[in-house]
Amino acid sequence: MAVQFSSVLRAAFLSSKKSISRSLDVPRGFFAVYVGETEKKRFLVPISYLNQPSFQDLLNKAEEEFGFDHPMGGLTIPCTEESFIDATSNLSRA
């Protein structure tokens, strides 16, 4: 059974207040990231995206801004929610 990533994105984001208690709610084959400029939202991303150059660019930006000390306790990507959705929706079509 295939899962469409766009529907996973819409269903998966949670406010950062709820994300701590839901840290174990990550299905196999996915990992959680936090995205947003002011209010961080949690998204579930397929592990296969780690091999994609455009997603690696997002990870490099996260490393430049936060290093390995992420304020949310997880991987935080420093971009707007809209930019993240645009970048990952392009990956899901590839």
PDB file of N, CA and C in Angstrom:
ATOM      1  N   MET A   1       0.841  -1.179   0.000  1.00  0.00           N
ATOM      2  CA  MET A   1       0.000   0.000   0.000  1.00  0.00           C
ATOM      3  C   MET A   1       0.878   1.231   0.000  1.00  0.00           C
ATOM      4  N   ALA A   2       0.726   2.101  -0.958  1.00  0.00           N
ATOM      5  CA  ALA A   2       1.532   3.311  -1.078  1.00  0.00           C
ATOM      6  C   ALA A   2       0.905   4.434  -0.268  1.00  0.00           C
ATOM      7  N   VAL A   3       1.754   5.255   0.317  1.00  0.00           N
ATOM      8  CA  VAL A   3       1.300   6.414   1.070  1.00  0.00           C
ATOM      9  C   VAL A   3       1.727   7.646   0.301  1.00  0.00           C
ATOM     10  N   GLN A   4       0.786   8.508  -0.026  1.00  0.00           N
ATOM     11  CA  GLN A   4       1.141   9.737  -0.716  1.00  0.00           C
ATOM     12  C   GLN A   4       1.733  10.707   0.281  1.00  0.00           C
ATOM     13  N   PHE A   5       2.897  11.259  -0.067  1.00  0.00           N
ATOM     14  CA  PHE A   5       3.610  12.131   0.871  1.00  0.00           C
ATOM     15  C   PHE A   5       2.841  13.397   1.172  1.00  0.00           C
ATOM     16  N   SER A   6       2.161  13.960   0.193  1.00  0.00           N
ATOM     17  CA  SER A   6       1.441  15.205   0.438  1.00  0.00           C
ATOM     18  C   SER A   6       0.368  15.013   1.503  1.00  0.00           C
ATOM     19  N   SER A   7      -0.306  13.875   1.505  1.00  0.00           N
ATOM     20  CA  SER A   7      -1.305  13.628   2.541  1.00  0.00           C
ATOM     21  C   SER A   7      -0.652  13.370   3.885  1.00  0.00           C
ATOM     22  N   VAL A   8       0.532  12.760   3.883  1.00  0.00           N
ATOM     23  CA  VAL A   8       1.270  12.555   5.124  1.00  0.00           C
ATOM     24  C   VAL A   8       1.673  13.901   5.696  1.00  0.00           C
ATOM     25  N   LEU A   9       2.140  14.810   4.843  1.00  0.00           N
ATOM     26  CA  LEU A   9       2.524  16.135   5.313  1.00  0.00           C
ATOM     27  C   LEU A   9       1.356  16.842   5.972  1.00  0.00           C
ATOM     28  N   ARG A  10       0.207  16.852   5.304  1.00  0.00           N
ATOM     29  CA  ARG A  10      -0.939  17.553   5.870  1.00  0.00           C
ATOM     30  C   ARG A  10      -1.380  16.945   7.189  1.00  0.00           C
ATOM     31  N   ALA A  11      -1.313  15.638   7.298  1.00  0.00           N
ATOM     32  CA  ALA A  11      -1.772  14.968   8.507  1.00  0.00           C
ATOM     33  C   ALA A  11      -0.736  14.964   9.614  1.00  0.00           C
ATOM     34  N   ALA A  12       0.533  15.134   9.272  1.00  0.00           N
ATOM     35  CA  ALA A  12       1.587  14.901  10.245  1.00  0.00           C
ATOM     36  C   ALA A  12       2.035  16.114  11.026  1.00  0.00           C
ATOM     37  N   PHE A  13       1.785  17.328  10.521  1.00  0.00           N
ATOM     38  CA  PHE A  13       2.353  18.432  11.267  1.00  0.00           C
ATOM     39  C   PHE A  13       1.555  18.703  12.530  1.00  0.00           C
ATOM     40  N   LEU A  14       2.290  18.966  13.603  1.00  0.00           N
ATOM     41  CA  LEU A  14       1.708  19.222  14.911  1.00  0.00           C
ATOM     42  C   LEU A  14       2.388  20.442  15.503  1.00  0.00           C
ATOM     43  N   SER A  15       1.741  21.105  16.403  1.00  0.00           N
ATOM     44  CA  SER A  15       2.413  22.220  17.063  1.00  0.00           C
ATOM     45  C   SER A  15       3.552  21.678  17.912  1.00  0.00           C
ATOM     46  N   SER A  16       4.545  22.502  18.146  1.00  0.00           N
ATOM     47  CA  SER A  16       5.720  22.052  18.888  1.00  0.00           C
ATOM     48  C   SER A  16       5.360  21.642  20.312  1.00  0.00           C
ATOM     49  N   LYS A  17       4.284  22.166  20.856  1.00  0.00           N
ATOM     50  CA  LYS A  17       3.862  21.794  22.210  1.00  0.00           C
ATOM     51  C   LYS A  17       3.442  20.327  22.281  1.00  0.00           C
ATOM     52  N   LYS A  18       2.839  19.817  21.219  1.00  0.00           N
ATOM     53  CA  LYS A  18       2.384  18.439  21.200  1.00  0.00           C
ATOM     54  C   LYS A  18       3.484  17.478  20.761  1.00  0.00           C
ATOM     55  N   SER A  19       4.510  17.988  20.086  1.00  0.00           N
ATOM     56  CA  SER A  19       5.503  17.114  19.463  1.00  0.00           C
ATOM     57  C   SER A  19       6.332  16.336  20.469  1.00  0.00           C
ATOM     58  N   ILE A  20       6.575  16.898  21.643  1.00  0.00           N
ATOM     59  CA  ILE A  20       7.390  16.196  22.636  1.00  0.00           C
ATOM     60  C   ILE A  20       6.693  14.909  23.072  1.00  0.00           C
ATOM     61  N   SER A  21       5.401  14.991  23.336  1.00  0.00           N
ATOM     62  CA  SER A  21       4.683  13.798  23.781  1.00  0.00           C
ATOM     63  C   SER A  21       4.444  12.813  22.645  1.00  0.00           C
ATOM     64  N   ARG A  22       4.611  13.257  21.407  1.00  0.00           N
ATOM     65  CA  ARG A  22       4.334  12.408  20.271  1.00  0.00           C
ATOM     66  C   ARG A  22       5.605  11.953  19.575  1.00  0.00           C
ATOM     67  N   SER A  23       6.742  12.083  20.247  1.00  0.00           N
ATOM     68  CA  SER A  23       8.018  11.770  19.610  1.00  0.00           C
ATOM     69  C   SER A  23       8.128  10.308  19.200  1.00  0.00           C
ATOM     70  N   LEU A  24       7.365   9.434  19.809  1.00  0.00           N
ATOM     71  CA  LEU A  24       7.421   8.021  19.451  1.00  0.00           C
ATOM     72  C   LEU A  24       6.425   7.672  18.344  1.00  0.00           C
ATOM     73  N   ASP A  25       5.674   8.652  17.871  1.00  0.00           N
ATOM     74  CA  ASP A  25       4.658   8.413  16.849  1.00  0.00           C
ATOM     75  C   ASP A  25       5.207   8.553  15.432  1.00  0.00           C
ATOM     76  N   VAL A  26       6.450   8.190  15.224  1.00  0.00           N
ATOM     77  CA  VAL A  26       7.058   8.278  13.900  1.00  0.00           C
ATOM     78  C   VAL A  26       7.055   6.882  13.290  1.00  0.00           C
ATOM     79  N   PRO A  27       6.344   6.713  12.175  1.00  0.00           N
ATOM     80  CA  PRO A  27       6.286   5.387  11.559  1.00  0.00           C
ATOM     81  C   PRO A  27       7.639   4.977  10.978  1.00  0.00           C
ATOM     82  N   ARG A  28       7.806   3.703  10.843  1.00  0.00           N
ATOM     83  CA  ARG A  28       9.037   3.159  10.277  1.00  0.00           C
ATOM     84  C   ARG A  28       9.245   3.719   8.863  1.00  0.00           C
ATOM     85  N   GLY A  29      10.483   4.121   8.575  1.00  0.00           N
ATOM     86  CA  GLY A  29      10.802   4.671   7.268  1.00  0.00           C
ATOM     87  C   GLY A  29      10.667   6.180   7.189  1.00  0.00           C
ATOM     88  N   PHE A  30      10.341   6.839   8.291  1.00  0.00           N
ATOM     89  CA  PHE A  30      10.182   8.286   8.347  1.00  0.00           C
ATOM     90  C   PHE A  30      11.014   8.846   9.496  1.00  0.00           C
ATOM     91  N   PHE A  31      11.243  10.159   9.459  1.00  0.00           N
ATOM     92  CA  PHE A  31      11.836  10.850  10.603  1.00  0.00           C
ATOM     93  C   PHE A  31      11.144  12.196  10.735  1.00  0.00           C
ATOM     94  N   ALA A  32      11.187  12.756  11.926  1.00  0.00           N
ATOM     95  CA  ALA A  32      10.500  14.018  12.197  1.00  0.00           C
ATOM     96  C   ALA A  32      11.464  15.186  12.056  1.00  0.00           C
ATOM     97  N   VAL A  33      10.959  16.275  11.484  1.00  0.00           N
ATOM     98  CA  VAL A  33      11.698  17.528  11.426  1.00  0.00           C
ATOM     99  C   VAL A  33      10.768  18.638  11.899  1.00  0.00           C
ATOM    100  N   TYR A  34      11.361  19.721  12.377  1.00  0.00           N
ATOM    101  CA  TYR A  34      10.610  20.887  12.813  1.00  0.00           C
ATOM    102  C   TYR A  34      10.904  22.020  11.854  1.00  0.00           C
ATOM    103  N   VAL A  35       9.851  22.688  11.386  1.00  0.00           N
ATOM    104  CA  VAL A  35       9.979  23.707  10.350  1.00  0.00           C
ATOM    105  C   VAL A  35       9.162  24.929  10.752  1.00  0.00           C
ATOM    106  N   GLY A  36       9.694  26.098  10.439  1.00  0.00           N
ATOM    107  CA  GLY A  36       8.966  27.337  10.661  1.00  0.00           C
ATOM    108  C   GLY A  36       9.879  28.409  11.207  1.00  0.00           C
ATOM    109  N   GLU A  37       9.478  29.641  11.010  1.00  0.00           N
ATOM    110  CA  GLU A  37      10.305  30.745  11.469  1.00  0.00           C
ATOM    111  C   GLU A  37       9.984  31.143  12.903  1.00  0.00           C
ATOM    112  N   THR A  38       8.724  31.252  13.250  1.00  0.00           N
ATOM    113  CA  THR A  38       8.371  31.597  14.628  1.00  0.00           C
ATOM    114  C   THR A  38       7.787  30.379  15.337  1.00  0.00           C
ATOM    115  N   GLU A  39       6.647  29.922  14.875  1.00  0.00           N
ATOM    116  CA  GLU A  39       6.051  28.717  15.453  1.00  0.00           C
ATOM    117  C   GLU A  39       6.527  27.515  14.653  1.00  0.00           C
ATOM    118  N   LYS A  40       7.171  26.589  15.321  1.00  0.00           N
ATOM    119  CA  LYS A  40       7.694  25.395  14.650  1.00  0.00           C
ATOM    120  C   LYS A  40       6.592  24.347  14.543  1.00  0.00           C
ATOM    121  N   LYS A  41       6.509  23.739  13.374  1.00  0.00           N
ATOM    122  CA  LYS A  41       5.580  22.635  13.166  1.00  0.00           C
ATOM    123  C   LYS A  41       6.373  21.385  12.847  1.00  0.00           C
ATOM    124  N   ARG A  42       5.828  20.274  13.231  1.00  0.00           N
ATOM    125  CA  ARG A  42       6.483  18.978  13.060  1.00  0.00           C
ATOM    126  C   ARG A  42       5.978  18.313  11.790  1.00  0.00           C
ATOM    127  N   PHE A  43       6.917  17.831  10.968  1.00  0.00           N
ATOM    128  CA  PHE A  43       6.584  17.114   9.751  1.00  0.00           C
ATOM    129  C   PHE A  43       7.277  15.764   9.766  1.00  0.00           C
ATOM    130  N   LEU A  44       6.638  14.776   9.169  1.00  0.00           N
ATOM    131  CA  LEU A  44       7.260  13.467   8.996  1.00  0.00           C
ATOM    132  C   LEU A  44       7.762  13.375   7.571  1.00  0.00           C
ATOM    133  N   VAL A  45       9.024  12.990   7.427  1.00  0.00           N
ATOM    134  CA  VAL A  45       9.691  12.967   6.134  1.00  0.00           C
ATOM    135  C   VAL A  45      10.184  11.549   5.862  1.00  0.00           C
ATOM    136  N   PRO A  46       9.967  11.039   4.648  1.00  0.00           N
ATOM    137  CA  PRO A  46      10.490   9.707   4.319  1.00  0.00           C
ATOM    138  C   PRO A  46      12.023   9.703   4.355  1.00  0.00           C
ATOM    139  N   ILE A  47      12.591   8.662   4.888  1.00  0.00           N
ATOM    140  CA  ILE A  47      14.049   8.545   4.971  1.00  0.00           C
ATOM    141  C   ILE A  47      14.680   8.609   3.584  1.00  0.00           C
ATOM    142  N   SER A  48      13.983   8.166   2.567  1.00  0.00           N
ATOM    143  CA  SER A  48      14.526   8.192   1.207  1.00  0.00           C
ATOM    144  C   SER A  48      14.886   9.605   0.752  1.00  0.00           C
ATOM    145  N   TYR A  49      14.304  10.631   1.349  1.00  0.00           N
ATOM    146  CA  TYR A  49      14.620  12.014   0.977  1.00  0.00           C
ATOM    147  C   TYR A  49      16.038  12.405   1.362  1.00  0.00           C
ATOM    148  N   LEU A  50      16.651  11.663   2.273  1.00  0.00           N
ATOM    149  CA  LEU A  50      18.021  11.977   2.685  1.00  0.00           C
ATOM    150  C   LEU A  50      19.006  11.863   1.526  1.00  0.00           C
ATOM    151  N   ASN A  51      18.664  11.093   0.505  1.00  0.00           N
ATOM    152  CA  ASN A  51      19.531  10.935  -0.668  1.00  0.00           C
ATOM    153  C   ASN A  51      19.317  12.019  -1.723  1.00  0.00           C
ATOM    154  N   GLN A  52      18.319  12.854  -1.562  1.00  0.00           N
ATOM    155  CA  GLN A  52      17.982  13.862  -2.562  1.00  0.00           C
ATOM    156  C   GLN A  52      18.809  15.139  -2.350  1.00  0.00           C
ATOM    157  N   PRO A  53      19.493  15.626  -3.388  1.00  0.00           N
ATOM    158  CA  PRO A  53      20.327  16.829  -3.252  1.00  0.00           C
ATOM    159  C   PRO A  53      19.577  18.049  -2.725  1.00  0.00           C
ATOM    160  N   SER A  54      18.339  18.260  -3.152  1.00  0.00           N
ATOM    161  CA  SER A  54      17.611  19.440  -2.674  1.00  0.00           C
ATOM    162  C   SER A  54      17.281  19.332  -1.182  1.00  0.00           C
ATOM    163  N   PHE A  55      17.019  18.121  -0.702  1.00  0.00           N
ATOM    164  CA  PHE A  55      16.772  17.957   0.735  1.00  0.00           C
ATOM    165  C   PHE A  55      18.080  18.085   1.516  1.00  0.00           C
ATOM    166  N   GLN A  56      19.173  17.622   0.935  1.00  0.00           N
ATOM    167  CA  GLN A  56      20.476  17.783   1.577  1.00  0.00           C
ATOM    168  C   GLN A  56      20.832  19.257   1.716  1.00  0.00           C
ATOM    169  N   ASP A  57      20.410  20.092   0.762  1.00  0.00           N
ATOM    170  CA  ASP A  57      20.623  21.539   0.884  1.00  0.00           C
ATOM    171  C   ASP A  57      19.901  22.092   2.106  1.00  0.00           C
ATOM    172  N   LEU A  58      18.664  21.627   2.338  1.00  0.00           N
ATOM    173  CA  LEU A  58      17.930  22.052   3.533  1.00  0.00           C
ATOM    174  C   LEU A  58      18.662  21.623   4.801  1.00  0.00           C
ATOM    175  N   LEU A  59      19.203  20.414   4.795  1.00  0.00           N
ATOM    176  CA  LEU A  59      19.936  19.924   5.963  1.00  0.00           C
ATOM    177  C   LEU A  59      21.209  20.731   6.192  1.00  0.00           C
ATOM    178  N   ASN A  60      21.882  21.125   5.117  1.00  0.00           N
ATOM    179  CA  ASN A  60      23.081  21.961   5.259  1.00  0.00           C
ATOM    180  C   ASN A  60      22.741  23.316   5.863  1.00  0.00           C
ATOM    181  N   LYS A  61      21.590  23.898   5.466  1.00  0.00           N
ATOM    182  CA  LYS A  61      21.146  25.163   6.051  1.00  0.00           C
ATOM    183  C   LYS A  61      20.872  24.991   7.547  1.00  0.00           C
ATOM    184  N   ALA A  62      20.284  23.860   7.903  1.00  0.00           N
ATOM    185  CA  ALA A  62      20.013  23.582   9.317  1.00  0.00           C
ATOM    186  C   ALA A  62      21.311  23.480  10.100  1.00  0.00           C
ATOM    187  N   GLU A  63      22.308  22.818   9.525  1.00  0.00           N
ATOM    188  CA  GLU A  63      23.598  22.685  10.200  1.00  0.00           C
ATOM    189  C   GLU A  63      24.278  24.040  10.361  1.00  0.00           C
ATOM    190  N   GLU A  64      24.214  24.887   9.317  1.00  0.00           N
ATOM    191  CA  GLU A  64      24.828  26.210   9.392  1.00  0.00           C
ATOM    192  C   GLU A  64      24.185  27.072  10.475  1.00  0.00           C
ATOM    193  N   GLU A  65      22.862  27.001  10.584  1.00  0.00           N
ATOM    194  CA  GLU A  65      22.161  27.855  11.541  1.00  0.00           C
ATOM    195  C   GLU A  65      22.196  27.318  12.963  1.00  0.00           C
ATOM    196  N   PHE A  66      22.016  26.019  13.126  1.00  0.00           N
ATOM    197  CA  PHE A  66      21.874  25.447  14.462  1.00  0.00           C
ATOM    198  C   PHE A  66      23.039  24.555  14.880  1.00  0.00           C
ATOM    199  N   GLY A  67      23.879  24.152  13.953  1.00  0.00           N
ATOM    200  CA  GLY A  67      24.911  23.176  14.292  1.00  0.00           C
ATOM    201  C   GLY A  67      24.238  21.872  14.677  1.00  0.00           C
ATOM    202  N   PHE A  68      24.747  21.262  15.713  1.00  0.00           N
ATOM    203  CA  PHE A  68      24.137  20.012  16.168  1.00  0.00           C
ATOM    204  C   PHE A  68      23.361  20.197  17.460  1.00  0.00           C
ATOM    205  N   ASP A  69      23.129  21.446  17.847  1.00  0.00           N
ATOM    206  CA  ASP A  69      22.377  21.767  19.053  1.00  0.00           C
ATOM    207  C   ASP A  69      21.040  22.364  18.632  1.00  0.00           C
ATOM    208  N   HIS A  70      20.063  21.507  18.396  1.00  0.00           N
ATOM    209  CA  HIS A  70      18.770  21.962  17.910  1.00  0.00           C
ATOM    210  C   HIS A  70      17.881  22.358  19.072  1.00  0.00           C
ATOM    211  N   PRO A  71      17.304  23.562  19.026  1.00  0.00           N
ATOM    212  CA  PRO A  71      16.492  24.051  20.139  1.00  0.00           C
ATOM    213  C   PRO A  71      15.229  23.237  20.400  1.00  0.00           C
ATOM    214  N   MET A  72      14.731  22.538  19.401  1.00  0.00           N
ATOM    215  CA  MET A  72      13.510  21.752  19.586  1.00  0.00           C
ATOM    216  C   MET A  72      13.820  20.344  20.091  1.00  0.00           C
ATOM    217  N   GLY A  73      15.091  20.016  20.218  1.00  0.00           N
ATOM    218  CA  GLY A  73      15.440  18.669  20.641  1.00  0.00           C
ATOM    219  C   GLY A  73      15.453  17.681  19.493  1.00  0.00           C
ATOM    220  N   GLY A  74      15.145  18.131  18.305  1.00  0.00           N
ATOM    221  CA  GLY A  74      15.146  17.317  17.105  1.00  0.00           C
ATOM    222  C   GLY A  74      15.690  18.136  15.960  1.00  0.00           C
ATOM    223  N   LEU A  75      15.620  17.618  14.777  1.00  0.00           N
ATOM    224  CA  LEU A  75      16.134  18.302  13.611  1.00  0.00           C
ATOM    225  C   LEU A  75      15.230  19.475  13.260  1.00  0.00           C
ATOM    226  N   THR A  76      15.798  20.679  13.270  1.00  0.00           N
ATOM    227  CA  THR A  76      15.057  21.890  12.943  1.00  0.00           C
ATOM    228  C   THR A  76      15.580  22.440  11.630  1.00  0.00           C
ATOM    229  N   ILE A  77      14.685  22.691  10.681  1.00  0.00           N
ATOM    230  CA  ILE A  77      15.074  23.215   9.377  1.00  0.00           C
ATOM    231  C   ILE A  77      14.655  24.686   9.312  1.00  0.00           C
ATOM    232  N   PRO A  78      15.629  25.588   9.097  1.00  0.00           N
ATOM    233  CA  PRO A  78      15.352  27.028   9.139  1.00  0.00           C
ATOM    234  C   PRO A  78      14.802  27.568   7.820  1.00  0.00           C
ATOM    235  N   CYS A  79      13.537  27.345   7.591  1.00  0.00           N
ATOM    236  CA  CYS A  79      12.881  27.927   6.419  1.00  0.00           C
ATOM    237  C   CYS A  79      11.406  28.080   6.756  1.00  0.00           C
ATOM    238  N   THR A  80      10.693  28.768   5.902  1.00  0.00           N
ATOM    239  CA  THR A  80       9.260  28.905   6.135  1.00  0.00           C
ATOM    240  C   THR A  80       8.572  27.570   5.862  1.00  0.00           C
ATOM    241  N   GLU A  81       7.436  27.423   6.455  1.00  0.00           N
ATOM    242  CA  GLU A  81       6.648  26.203   6.249  1.00  0.00           C
ATOM    243  C   GLU A  81       6.290  26.045   4.773  1.00  0.00           C
ATOM    244  N   GLU A  82       5.957  27.154   4.109  1.00  0.00           N
ATOM    245  CA  GLU A  82       5.598  27.116   2.697  1.00  0.00           C
ATOM    246  C   GLU A  82       6.767  26.658   1.832  1.00  0.00           C
ATOM    247  N   SER A  83       7.977  27.169   2.131  1.00  0.00           N
ATOM    248  CA  SER A  83       9.173  26.771   1.373  1.00  0.00           C
ATOM    249  C   SER A  83       9.449  25.285   1.543  1.00  0.00           C
ATOM    250  N   PHE A  84       9.295  24.799   2.769  1.00  0.00           N
ATOM    251  CA  PHE A  84       9.530  23.382   3.040  1.00  0.00           C
ATOM    252  C   PHE A  84       8.535  22.509   2.274  1.00  0.00           C
ATOM    253  N   ILE A  85       7.276  22.897   2.294  1.00  0.00           N
ATOM    254  CA  ILE A  85       6.253  22.117   1.587  1.00  0.00           C
ATOM    255  C   ILE A  85       6.516  22.139   0.082  1.00  0.00           C
ATOM    256  N   ASP A  86       6.903  23.300  -0.451  1.00  0.00           N
ATOM    257  CA  ASP A  86       7.225  23.385  -1.882  1.00  0.00           C
ATOM    258  C   ASP A  86       8.388  22.465  -2.226  1.00  0.00           C
ATOM    259  N   ALA A  87       9.448  22.509  -1.418  1.00  0.00           N
ATOM    260  CA  ALA A  87      10.644  21.694  -1.693  1.00  0.00           C
ATOM    261  C   ALA A  87      10.335  20.200  -1.597  1.00  0.00           C
ATOM    262  N   THR A  88       9.599  19.795  -0.580  1.00  0.00           N
ATOM    263  CA  THR A  88       9.328  18.373  -0.413  1.00  0.00           C
ATOM    264  C   THR A  88       8.245  17.868  -1.359  1.00  0.00           C
ATOM    265  N   SER A  89       7.321  18.734  -1.771  1.00  0.00           N
ATOM    266  CA  SER A  89       6.317  18.267  -2.733  1.00  0.00           C
ATOM    267  C   SER A  89       6.959  18.022  -4.083  1.00  0.00           C
ATOM    268  N   ASN A  90       7.997  18.778  -4.421  1.00  0.00           N
ATOM    269  CA  ASN A  90       8.731  18.519  -5.655  1.00  0.00           C
ATOM    270  C   ASN A  90       9.462  17.182  -5.565  1.00  0.00           C
ATOM    271  N   LEU A  91       9.948  16.822  -4.398  1.00  0.00           N
ATOM    272  CA  LEU A  91      10.632  15.549  -4.219  1.00  0.00           C
ATOM    273  C   LEU A  91       9.669  14.390  -4.361  1.00  0.00           C
ATOM    274  N   SER A  92       8.456  14.548  -3.867  1.00  0.00           N
ATOM    275  CA  SER A  92       7.497  13.444  -3.928  1.00  0.00           C
ATOM    276  C   SER A  92       7.035  13.161  -5.344  1.00  0.00           C
ATOM    277  N   ARG A  93       7.182  14.135  -6.243  1.00  0.00           N
ATOM    278  CA  ARG A  93       6.807  13.919  -7.645  1.00  0.00           C
ATOM    279  C   ARG A  93       7.911  13.238  -8.440  1.00  0.00           C
ATOM    280  N   ALA A  94       9.138  13.333  -7.924  1.00  0.00           N
ATOM    281  CA  ALA A  94      10.286  12.774  -8.658  1.00  0.00           C
ATOM    282  C   ALA A  94      10.341  11.270  -8.572  1.00  0.00           C
TER     283      ALA A  94
END
